[in-house]
Amino acid sequence: MLSVLWHVWAAVFILANLANSFNASVKPPNIVMVVADDLGYHDVGFRGSNILTPNLDRLAREGVILQDHIVSASCSPTRASLMTGRYPIRTGFWKGNVKENEEYGLGLDETLLPEMLKRNGYVTHGVGKWHLGMFTWEHTPAKRGFDTFFGLYQMEENYFSHKLHGQTDFRENYYDDEGNLVDQVRKDLKGQYSTYLFTNRSVELIQQHNQSKPFFLYLAYTAPHLPHQAPSADVRRFASHIPDTEPHKNERKKYSAMISVMDEGVGKV
């Protein structure tokens, strides 16, 4: 993963320079970056799993599989590397995740991927999980290069209530016509499955995008991170083939359904 980050950032650097050197009629490419959270290495169809992931399988079949790269063992360090292109220890994330309400976050002296793209004319959107700090507004996504953000700032929230320790952590951030940051806590979305919300918002953003500018979407699903939750209908739809003889079968079926719902979302995007 960390080696991949260097390739990603090298590509962004090249694109940034090309954007400055090409004539106005040549548009930079649109970019969609999708992240799964705590997805097991073998928990996809193209690795031989019985979990249904036809869309990821197709991407693997038609794209490039980088199989000698690793991520960090926890969320925040990996996300810090993904956003900066630097090793976690160089971003201050050697100690692990940002804890709930901790006065800590990704350093404001770091240049993030959406900031670099935005400088080069991109419209930038963040959807899903942030988990890089929120103890000041300056540490939140809409202040780190994203034009809009729709999702959670923290971690391990309930997929239906969108609560962590009794507090709703599902936000919508954007800038109004006067350039003021709007922060909405979306309590009205209670009961709706997070993975569906992230997919639907991403599809919306793509469909509504003004093609005169290049587009960047960072879609950071929470699936299949704990807690293992999925709609009952989706467990039946995607995991009825999981044998009852498998250890922890009920947990395994929910976990499998979470991945398949995410895979379906990737296909829609």
C-alpha atoms as a PDB file:
ATOM      1  CA  MET A   1       0.000   0.000   0.000  1.00  0.00           C
ATOM      2  CA  LEU A   2       2.697   2.487   0.942  1.00  0.00           C
ATOM      3  CA  SER A   3       4.509   1.807  -2.330  1.00  0.00           C
ATOM      4  CA  VAL A   4       1.192   2.302  -4.087  1.00  0.00           C
ATOM      5  CA  LEU A   5       0.886   5.695  -2.418  1.00  0.00           C
ATOM      6  CA  TRP A   6       4.096   6.851  -4.033  1.00  0.00           C
ATOM      7  CA  HIS A   7       2.737   5.752  -7.407  1.00  0.00           C
ATOM      8  CA  VAL A   8      -0.537   7.606  -6.731  1.00  0.00           C
ATOM      9  CA  TRP A   9       1.260  10.785  -5.730  1.00  0.00           C
ATOM     10  CA  ALA A  10       3.701  10.551  -8.613  1.00  0.00           C
ATOM     11  CA  ALA A  11       0.718  10.264 -10.941  1.00  0.00           C
ATOM     12  CA  VAL A  12      -0.943  13.291  -9.324  1.00  0.00           C
ATOM     13  CA  PHE A  13       2.290  15.295  -9.639  1.00  0.00           C
ATOM     14  CA  ILE A  14       2.535  14.393 -13.324  1.00  0.00           C
ATOM     15  CA  LEU A  15      -1.118  15.259 -13.894  1.00  0.00           C
ATOM     16  CA  ALA A  16      -0.645  18.586 -12.142  1.00  0.00           C
ATOM     17  CA  ASN A  17       2.252  19.480 -14.402  1.00  0.00           C
ATOM     18  CA  LEU A  18       0.485  18.225 -17.502  1.00  0.00           C
ATOM     19  CA  ALA A  19      -2.539  20.314 -16.583  1.00  0.00           C
ATOM     20  CA  ASN A  20      -0.301  23.392 -16.619  1.00  0.00           C
ATOM     21  CA  SER A  21       1.454  22.495 -19.881  1.00  0.00           C
ATOM     22  CA  PHE A  22      -1.439  21.209 -22.020  1.00  0.00           C
ATOM     23  CA  ASN A  23      -3.584  23.615 -23.981  1.00  0.00           C
ATOM     24  CA  ALA A  24      -7.006  24.485 -22.609  1.00  0.00           C
ATOM     25  CA  SER A  25      -8.793  21.980 -24.841  1.00  0.00           C
ATOM     26  CA  VAL A  26      -7.146  18.970 -23.122  1.00  0.00           C
ATOM     27  CA  LYS A  27      -8.918  18.107 -19.878  1.00  0.00           C
ATOM     28  CA  PRO A  28      -7.288  16.196 -16.993  1.00  0.00           C
ATOM     29  CA  PRO A  29      -8.950  12.855 -16.186  1.00  0.00           C
ATOM     30  CA  ASN A  30     -11.681  12.416 -13.628  1.00  0.00           C
ATOM     31  CA  ILE A  31     -10.516  10.410 -10.594  1.00  0.00           C
ATOM     32  CA  VAL A  32     -12.532   8.114  -8.310  1.00  0.00           C
ATOM     33  CA  MET A  33     -10.671   6.623  -5.340  1.00  0.00           C
ATOM     34  CA  VAL A  34     -12.556   3.904  -3.431  1.00  0.00           C
ATOM     35  CA  VAL A  35     -11.367   2.620  -0.042  1.00  0.00           C
ATOM     36  CA  ALA A  36     -12.667  -0.405   1.893  1.00  0.00           C
ATOM     37  CA  ASP A  37     -12.208  -0.512   5.662  1.00  0.00           C
ATOM     38  CA  ASP A  38     -10.735  -3.648   7.278  1.00  0.00           C
ATOM     39  CA  LEU A  39     -11.357  -5.815   4.229  1.00  0.00           C
ATOM     40  CA  GLY A  40      -9.544  -9.132   4.555  1.00  0.00           C
ATOM     41  CA  TYR A  41      -6.934  -9.942   1.897  1.00  0.00           C
ATOM     42  CA  HIS A  42      -8.754 -13.109   0.838  1.00  0.00           C
ATOM     43  CA  ASP A  43     -12.313 -11.821   1.327  1.00  0.00           C
ATOM     44  CA  VAL A  44     -12.964 -11.075  -2.349  1.00  0.00           C
ATOM     45  CA  GLY A  45     -13.962 -13.402  -5.154  1.00  0.00           C
ATOM     46  CA  PHE A  46     -10.775 -12.986  -7.188  1.00  0.00           C
ATOM     47  CA  ARG A  47      -8.829 -14.320  -4.206  1.00  0.00           C
ATOM     48  CA  GLY A  48     -10.943 -17.467  -4.082  1.00  0.00           C
ATOM     49  CA  SER A  49     -13.407 -16.391  -1.387  1.00  0.00           C
ATOM     50  CA  ASN A  50     -17.044 -17.493  -1.380  1.00  0.00           C
ATOM     51  CA  ILE A  51     -17.998 -13.861  -0.685  1.00  0.00           C
ATOM     52  CA  LEU A  52     -19.769 -12.415  -3.733  1.00  0.00           C
ATOM     53  CA  THR A  53     -17.800  -9.508  -5.250  1.00  0.00           C
ATOM     54  CA  PRO A  54     -18.450  -9.533  -9.029  1.00  0.00           C
ATOM     55  CA  ASN A  55     -17.638  -5.852  -9.526  1.00  0.00           C
ATOM     56  CA  LEU A  56     -14.332  -5.966  -7.664  1.00  0.00           C
ATOM     57  CA  ASP A  57     -13.538  -9.195  -9.506  1.00  0.00           C
ATOM     58  CA  ARG A  58     -14.085  -7.437 -12.824  1.00  0.00           C
ATOM     59  CA  LEU A  59     -11.860  -4.511 -11.805  1.00  0.00           C
ATOM     60  CA  ALA A  60      -9.165  -6.983 -10.817  1.00  0.00           C
ATOM     61  CA  ARG A  61      -9.564  -8.914 -14.071  1.00  0.00           C
ATOM     62  CA  GLU A  62      -9.471  -5.845 -16.304  1.00  0.00           C
ATOM     63  CA  GLY A  63      -7.104  -3.709 -14.246  1.00  0.00           C
ATOM     64  CA  VAL A  64      -3.868  -4.105 -12.295  1.00  0.00           C
ATOM     65  CA  ILE A  65      -3.498  -6.008  -9.005  1.00  0.00           C
ATOM     66  CA  LEU A  66      -0.732  -4.708  -6.744  1.00  0.00           C
ATOM     67  CA  GLN A  67      -0.219  -7.685  -4.462  1.00  0.00           C
ATOM     68  CA  ASP A  68       3.117  -6.899  -2.833  1.00  0.00           C
ATOM     69  CA  HIS A  69       1.939  -3.814  -0.969  1.00  0.00           C
ATOM     70  CA  ILE A  70       0.586  -3.427   2.540  1.00  0.00           C
ATOM     71  CA  VAL A  71      -1.485  -1.038   4.612  1.00  0.00           C
ATOM     72  CA  SER A  72      -0.998  -0.071   8.234  1.00  0.00           C
ATOM     73  CA  ALA A  73      -2.656  -2.167  10.909  1.00  0.00           C
ATOM     74  CA  SER A  74      -5.177   0.538  11.793  1.00  0.00           C
ATOM     75  CA  CYS A  75      -7.311   3.197  10.164  1.00  0.00           C
ATOM     76  CA  SER A  76      -5.807   6.629  10.785  1.00  0.00           C
ATOM     77  CA  PRO A  77      -2.182   5.825   9.802  1.00  0.00           C
ATOM     78  CA  THR A  78      -3.304   4.281   6.510  1.00  0.00           C
ATOM     79  CA  ARG A  79      -5.581   7.219   5.721  1.00  0.00           C
ATOM     80  CA  ALA A  80      -2.831   9.685   6.604  1.00  0.00           C
ATOM     81  CA  SER A  81      -0.517   7.946   4.114  1.00  0.00           C
ATOM     82  CA  LEU A  82      -3.215   7.795   1.460  1.00  0.00           C
ATOM     83  CA  MET A  83      -3.926  11.518   1.786  1.00  0.00           C
ATOM     84  CA  THR A  84      -0.295  12.677   1.991  1.00  0.00           C
ATOM     85  CA  GLY A  85       1.750  10.057   0.124  1.00  0.00           C
ATOM     86  CA  ARG A  86       4.067   9.782   3.132  1.00  0.00           C
ATOM     87  CA  TYR A  87       4.906   7.044   5.630  1.00  0.00           C
ATOM     88  CA  PRO A  88       2.654   7.184   8.748  1.00  0.00           C
ATOM     89  CA  ILE A  89       5.598   7.873  11.059  1.00  0.00           C
ATOM     90  CA  ARG A  90       6.408  11.003   9.062  1.00  0.00           C
ATOM     91  CA  THR A  91       2.868  12.313   9.547  1.00  0.00           C
ATOM     92  CA  GLY A  92       2.868  11.759  13.333  1.00  0.00           C
ATOM     93  CA  PHE A  93       0.575   8.745  13.148  1.00  0.00           C
ATOM     94  CA  TRP A  94       3.037   6.234  14.550  1.00  0.00           C
ATOM     95  CA  LYS A  95       0.844   5.795  17.640  1.00  0.00           C
ATOM     96  CA  GLY A  96      -2.253   4.585  15.812  1.00  0.00           C
ATOM     97  CA  ASN A  97      -5.798   5.880  15.479  1.00  0.00           C
ATOM     98  CA  VAL A  98      -7.215   9.245  16.399  1.00  0.00           C
ATOM     99  CA  LYS A  99      -9.364   8.506  19.428  1.00  0.00           C
ATOM    100  CA  GLU A 100     -12.838   9.874  20.044  1.00  0.00           C
ATOM    101  CA  ASN A 101     -12.665  13.621  20.843  1.00  0.00           C
ATOM    102  CA  GLU A 102      -8.852  13.464  21.030  1.00  0.00           C
ATOM    103  CA  GLU A 103      -7.071  16.785  20.530  1.00  0.00           C
ATOM    104  CA  TYR A 104      -4.986  15.386  17.717  1.00  0.00           C
ATOM    105  CA  GLY A 105      -5.135  15.078  13.965  1.00  0.00           C
ATOM    106  CA  LEU A 106      -3.249  15.079  10.691  1.00  0.00           C
ATOM    107  CA  GLY A 107      -0.852  18.037  10.837  1.00  0.00           C
ATOM    108  CA  LEU A 108      -2.025  21.235   9.198  1.00  0.00           C
ATOM    109  CA  ASP A 109       1.414  21.582   7.610  1.00  0.00           C
ATOM    110  CA  GLU A 110       0.719  18.496   5.469  1.00  0.00           C
ATOM    111  CA  THR A 111      -0.455  18.952   1.877  1.00  0.00           C
ATOM    112  CA  LEU A 112      -3.285  16.550   1.119  1.00  0.00           C
ATOM    113  CA  LEU A 113      -4.226  14.915  -2.166  1.00  0.00           C
ATOM    114  CA  PRO A 114      -7.513  16.868  -2.574  1.00  0.00           C
ATOM    115  CA  GLU A 115      -5.680  20.142  -1.870  1.00  0.00           C
ATOM    116  CA  MET A 116      -3.178  19.446  -4.644  1.00  0.00           C
ATOM    117  CA  LEU A 117      -5.912  18.471  -7.068  1.00  0.00           C
ATOM    118  CA  LYS A 118      -8.005  21.496  -6.149  1.00  0.00           C
ATOM    119  CA  ARG A 119      -5.052  23.777  -6.917  1.00  0.00           C
ATOM    120  CA  ASN A 120      -5.071  22.266 -10.388  1.00  0.00           C
ATOM    121  CA  GLY A 121      -8.702  22.958 -11.145  1.00  0.00           C
ATOM    122  CA  TYR A 122     -10.417  19.863  -9.755  1.00  0.00           C
ATOM    123  CA  VAL A 123     -13.797  19.791  -8.030  1.00  0.00           C
ATOM    124  CA  THR A 124     -13.251  17.607  -4.960  1.00  0.00           C
ATOM    125  CA  HIS A 125     -15.706  15.545  -2.916  1.00  0.00           C
ATOM    126  CA  GLY A 126     -15.239  13.340   0.143  1.00  0.00           C
ATOM    127  CA  VAL A 127     -17.773  10.639   0.990  1.00  0.00           C
ATOM    128  CA  GLY A 128     -17.604   8.163   3.876  1.00  0.00           C
ATOM    129  CA  LYS A 129     -15.088   7.921   6.702  1.00  0.00           C
ATOM    130  CA  TRP A 130     -12.560  10.640   7.578  1.00  0.00           C
ATOM    131  CA  HIS A 131     -10.836   9.563  10.847  1.00  0.00           C
ATOM    132  CA  LEU A 132      -7.959  12.043  10.566  1.00  0.00           C
ATOM    133  CA  GLY A 133      -8.946  14.430  13.331  1.00  0.00           C
ATOM    134  CA  MET A 134     -11.762  16.832  14.119  1.00  0.00           C
ATOM    135  CA  PHE A 135     -10.733  18.703  17.260  1.00  0.00           C
ATOM    136  CA  THR A 136     -10.643  21.997  15.309  1.00  0.00           C
ATOM    137  CA  TRP A 137     -12.555  22.897  12.157  1.00  0.00           C
ATOM    138  CA  GLU A 138      -9.216  23.280  10.390  1.00  0.00           C
ATOM    139  CA  HIS A 139      -8.680  19.523  10.789  1.00  0.00           C
ATOM    140  CA  THR A 140     -11.980  18.542   9.149  1.00  0.00           C
ATOM    141  CA  PRO A 141     -12.367  17.455   5.491  1.00  0.00           C
ATOM    142  CA  ALA A 142     -13.934  20.639   4.119  1.00  0.00           C
ATOM    143  CA  LYS A 143     -10.905  22.554   5.407  1.00  0.00           C
ATOM    144  CA  ARG A 144      -8.436  20.027   3.952  1.00  0.00           C
ATOM    145  CA  GLY A 145      -9.214  20.393   0.273  1.00  0.00           C
ATOM    146  CA  PHE A 146     -12.695  18.921  -0.142  1.00  0.00           C
ATOM    147  CA  ASP A 147     -15.429  21.118  -1.604  1.00  0.00           C
ATOM    148  CA  THR A 148     -18.013  18.879   0.055  1.00  0.00           C
ATOM    149  CA  PHE A 149     -18.022  16.084   2.592  1.00  0.00           C
ATOM    150  CA  PHE A 150     -20.747  13.567   3.433  1.00  0.00           C
ATOM    151  CA  GLY A 151     -20.057  10.981   6.113  1.00  0.00           C
ATOM    152  CA  LEU A 152     -18.483  10.480   9.524  1.00  0.00           C
ATOM    153  CA  TYR A 153     -15.538  12.191  11.173  1.00  0.00           C
ATOM    154  CA  GLN A 154     -14.765   9.411  13.647  1.00  0.00           C
ATOM    155  CA  MET A 155     -14.917   5.604  13.715  1.00  0.00           C
ATOM    156  CA  GLU A 156     -16.971   2.463  14.403  1.00  0.00           C
ATOM    157  CA  GLU A 157     -20.351   4.116  14.342  1.00  0.00           C
ATOM    158  CA  ASN A 158     -23.544   2.086  14.086  1.00  0.00           C
ATOM    159  CA  TYR A 159     -24.458   1.508  10.426  1.00  0.00           C
ATOM    160  CA  PHE A 160     -28.130   2.331  11.020  1.00  0.00           C
ATOM    161  CA  SER A 161     -28.296   4.838  13.892  1.00  0.00           C
ATOM    162  CA  HIS A 162     -25.017   6.507  12.824  1.00  0.00           C
ATOM    163  CA  LYS A 163     -24.131   6.942  16.483  1.00  0.00           C
ATOM    164  CA  LEU A 164     -20.911   6.429  18.392  1.00  0.00           C
ATOM    165  CA  HIS A 165     -21.377   6.231  22.173  1.00  0.00           C
ATOM    166  CA  GLY A 166     -24.825   7.796  21.882  1.00  0.00           C
ATOM    167  CA  GLN A 167     -23.800  10.738  19.694  1.00  0.00           C
ATOM    168  CA  THR A 168     -24.719  11.073  16.021  1.00  0.00           C
ATOM    169  CA  ASP A 169     -21.621  11.353  13.831  1.00  0.00           C
ATOM    170  CA  PHE A 170     -22.970  11.751  10.323  1.00  0.00           C
ATOM    171  CA  ARG A 171     -22.192  15.110   8.769  1.00  0.00           C
ATOM    172  CA  GLU A 172     -22.791  17.007   5.605  1.00  0.00           C
ATOM    173  CA  ASN A 173     -20.322  19.833   4.899  1.00  0.00           C
ATOM    174  CA  TYR A 174     -20.339  22.277   2.022  1.00  0.00           C
ATOM    175  CA  TYR A 175     -19.820  25.968   1.321  1.00  0.00           C
ATOM    176  CA  ASP A 176     -22.776  28.298   0.800  1.00  0.00           C
ATOM    177  CA  ASP A 177     -22.987  30.999  -1.869  1.00  0.00           C
ATOM    178  CA  GLU A 178     -21.113  33.424   0.369  1.00  0.00           C
ATOM    179  CA  GLY A 179     -18.268  31.017   0.986  1.00  0.00           C
ATOM    180  CA  ASN A 180     -19.252  30.076   4.537  1.00  0.00           C
ATOM    181  CA  LEU A 181     -18.777  26.507   5.728  1.00  0.00           C
ATOM    182  CA  VAL A 182     -22.080  24.761   6.449  1.00  0.00           C
ATOM    183  CA  ASP A 183     -22.031  21.849   8.913  1.00  0.00           C
ATOM    184  CA  GLN A 184     -25.167  19.735   9.163  1.00  0.00           C
ATOM    185  CA  VAL A 185     -25.463  16.783  11.536  1.00  0.00           C
ATOM    186  CA  ARG A 186     -27.775  14.487   9.551  1.00  0.00           C
ATOM    187  CA  LYS A 187     -29.901  12.965  12.296  1.00  0.00           C
ATOM    188  CA  ASP A 188     -32.691  12.706   9.731  1.00  0.00           C
ATOM    189  CA  LEU A 189     -30.842   9.806   8.073  1.00  0.00           C
ATOM    190  CA  LYS A 190     -31.247   7.554  11.108  1.00  0.00           C
ATOM    191  CA  GLY A 191     -32.330   4.052  10.088  1.00  0.00           C
ATOM    192  CA  GLN A 192     -30.762   4.207   6.627  1.00  0.00           C
ATOM    193  CA  TYR A 193     -27.830   1.876   6.009  1.00  0.00           C
ATOM    194  CA  SER A 194     -24.565   3.816   5.743  1.00  0.00           C
ATOM    195  CA  THR A 195     -23.161   1.888   2.791  1.00  0.00           C
ATOM    196  CA  TYR A 196     -26.245   2.666   0.719  1.00  0.00           C
ATOM    197  CA  LEU A 197     -26.065   6.325   1.716  1.00  0.00           C
ATOM    198  CA  PHE A 198     -22.423   6.575   0.636  1.00  0.00           C
ATOM    199  CA  THR A 199     -23.092   4.881  -2.693  1.00  0.00           C
ATOM    200  CA  ASN A 200     -26.171   6.967  -3.476  1.00  0.00           C
ATOM    201  CA  ARG A 201     -24.427  10.239  -2.663  1.00  0.00           C
ATOM    202  CA  SER A 202     -21.444   9.270  -4.825  1.00  0.00           C
ATOM    203  CA  VAL A 203     -23.662   8.418  -7.795  1.00  0.00           C
ATOM    204  CA  GLU A 204     -25.484  11.734  -7.289  1.00  0.00           C
ATOM    205  CA  LEU A 205     -22.245  13.705  -7.292  1.00  0.00           C
ATOM    206  CA  ILE A 206     -21.075  12.027 -10.493  1.00  0.00           C
ATOM    207  CA  GLN A 207     -24.389  12.559 -12.275  1.00  0.00           C
ATOM    208  CA  GLN A 208     -24.655  16.225 -11.237  1.00  0.00           C
ATOM    209  CA  HIS A 209     -21.034  17.152 -11.975  1.00  0.00           C
ATOM    210  CA  ASN A 210     -20.368  20.013 -14.383  1.00  0.00           C
ATOM    211  CA  GLN A 211     -18.121  18.421 -17.000  1.00  0.00           C
ATOM    212  CA  SER A 212     -16.280  21.693 -17.629  1.00  0.00           C
ATOM    213  CA  LYS A 213     -14.015  20.881 -14.655  1.00  0.00           C
ATOM    214  CA  PRO A 214     -12.179  17.676 -13.706  1.00  0.00           C
ATOM    215  CA  PHE A 215     -13.713  15.644 -10.881  1.00  0.00           C
ATOM    216  CA  PHE A 216     -12.174  13.921  -7.847  1.00  0.00           C
ATOM    217  CA  LEU A 217     -14.206  11.637  -5.579  1.00  0.00           C
ATOM    218  CA  TYR A 218     -12.757  10.023  -2.457  1.00  0.00           C
ATOM    219  CA  LEU A 219     -15.253   7.295  -1.528  1.00  0.00           C
ATOM    220  CA  ALA A 220     -14.148   5.804   1.799  1.00  0.00           C
ATOM    221  CA  TYR A 221     -16.617   3.083   2.743  1.00  0.00           C
ATOM    222  CA  THR A 222     -16.804   2.007   6.375  1.00  0.00           C
ATOM    223  CA  ALA A 223     -17.570  -1.571   5.323  1.00  0.00           C
ATOM    224  CA  PRO A 224     -16.694  -4.152   6.424  1.00  0.00           C
ATOM    225  CA  HIS A 225     -15.315  -2.566   9.630  1.00  0.00           C
ATOM    226  CA  LEU A 226     -16.968  -3.326  12.959  1.00  0.00           C
ATOM    227  CA  PRO A 227     -19.732  -3.357  14.018  1.00  0.00           C
ATOM    228  CA  HIS A 228     -20.759  -6.153  11.638  1.00  0.00           C
ATOM    229  CA  GLN A 229     -24.224  -5.026  10.551  1.00  0.00           C
ATOM    230  CA  ALA A 230     -26.233  -5.466   7.366  1.00  0.00           C
ATOM    231  CA  PRO A 231     -29.915  -5.308   6.429  1.00  0.00           C
ATOM    232  CA  SER A 232     -31.570  -8.710   6.932  1.00  0.00           C
ATOM    233  CA  ALA A 233     -32.727  -8.731   3.314  1.00  0.00           C
ATOM    234  CA  ASP A 234     -29.151  -8.284   2.139  1.00  0.00           C
ATOM    235  CA  VAL A 235     -27.902 -11.079   4.378  1.00  0.00           C
ATOM    236  CA  ARG A 236     -30.458 -13.353   2.695  1.00  0.00           C
ATOM    237  CA  ARG A 237     -29.659 -11.953  -0.751  1.00  0.00           C
ATOM    238  CA  PHE A 238     -25.886 -12.178  -0.571  1.00  0.00           C
ATOM    239  CA  ALA A 239     -25.000 -14.711   2.127  1.00  0.00           C
ATOM    240  CA  SER A 240     -27.531 -17.533   1.962  1.00  0.00           C
ATOM    241  CA  HIS A 241     -24.868 -19.680   0.275  1.00  0.00           C
ATOM    242  CA  ILE A 242     -22.472 -19.382   3.245  1.00  0.00           C
ATOM    243  CA  PRO A 243     -22.438 -22.858   4.832  1.00  0.00           C
ATOM    244  CA  ASP A 244     -23.904 -23.228   8.308  1.00  0.00           C
ATOM    245  CA  THR A 245     -20.837 -25.301   9.127  1.00  0.00           C
ATOM    246  CA  GLU A 246     -18.548 -22.251   8.961  1.00  0.00           C
ATOM    247  CA  PRO A 247     -17.294 -21.022  12.350  1.00  0.00           C
ATOM    248  CA  HIS A 248     -19.279 -18.051  13.699  1.00  0.00           C
ATOM    249  CA  LYS A 249     -21.701 -18.495  10.794  1.00  0.00           C
ATOM    250  CA  ASN A 250     -24.055 -15.634  11.727  1.00  0.00           C
ATOM    251  CA  GLU A 251     -21.226 -13.149  12.055  1.00  0.00           C
ATOM    252  CA  ARG A 252     -19.675 -14.454   8.858  1.00  0.00           C
ATOM    253  CA  LYS A 253     -22.919 -14.022   6.934  1.00  0.00           C
ATOM    254  CA  LYS A 254     -23.308 -10.420   8.078  1.00  0.00           C
ATOM    255  CA  TYR A 255     -19.685  -9.694   7.238  1.00  0.00           C
ATOM    256  CA  SER A 256     -20.112 -11.268   3.801  1.00  0.00           C
ATOM    257  CA  ALA A 257     -23.250  -9.242   3.108  1.00  0.00           C
ATOM    258  CA  MET A 258     -21.466  -6.028   4.115  1.00  0.00           C
ATOM    259  CA  ILE A 259     -18.778  -6.672   1.525  1.00  0.00           C
ATOM    260  CA  SER A 260     -21.263  -7.636  -1.193  1.00  0.00           C
ATOM    261  CA  VAL A 261     -23.369  -4.497  -0.597  1.00  0.00           C
ATOM    262  CA  MET A 262     -20.186  -2.429  -0.894  1.00  0.00           C
ATOM    263  CA  ASP A 263     -19.221  -4.299  -4.063  1.00  0.00           C
ATOM    264  CA  GLU A 264     -22.648  -3.563  -5.520  1.00  0.00           C
ATOM    265  CA  GLY A 265     -22.048   0.108  -4.702  1.00  0.00           C
ATOM    266  CA  VAL A 266     -18.712   0.067  -6.519  1.00  0.00           C
ATOM    267  CA  GLY A 267     -20.540  -1.285  -9.560  1.00  0.00           C
ATOM    268  CA  LYS A 268     -23.060   1.560  -9.454  1.00  0.00           C
ATOM    269  CA  VAL A 269     -20.327   4.159  -9.105  1.00  0.00           C
END
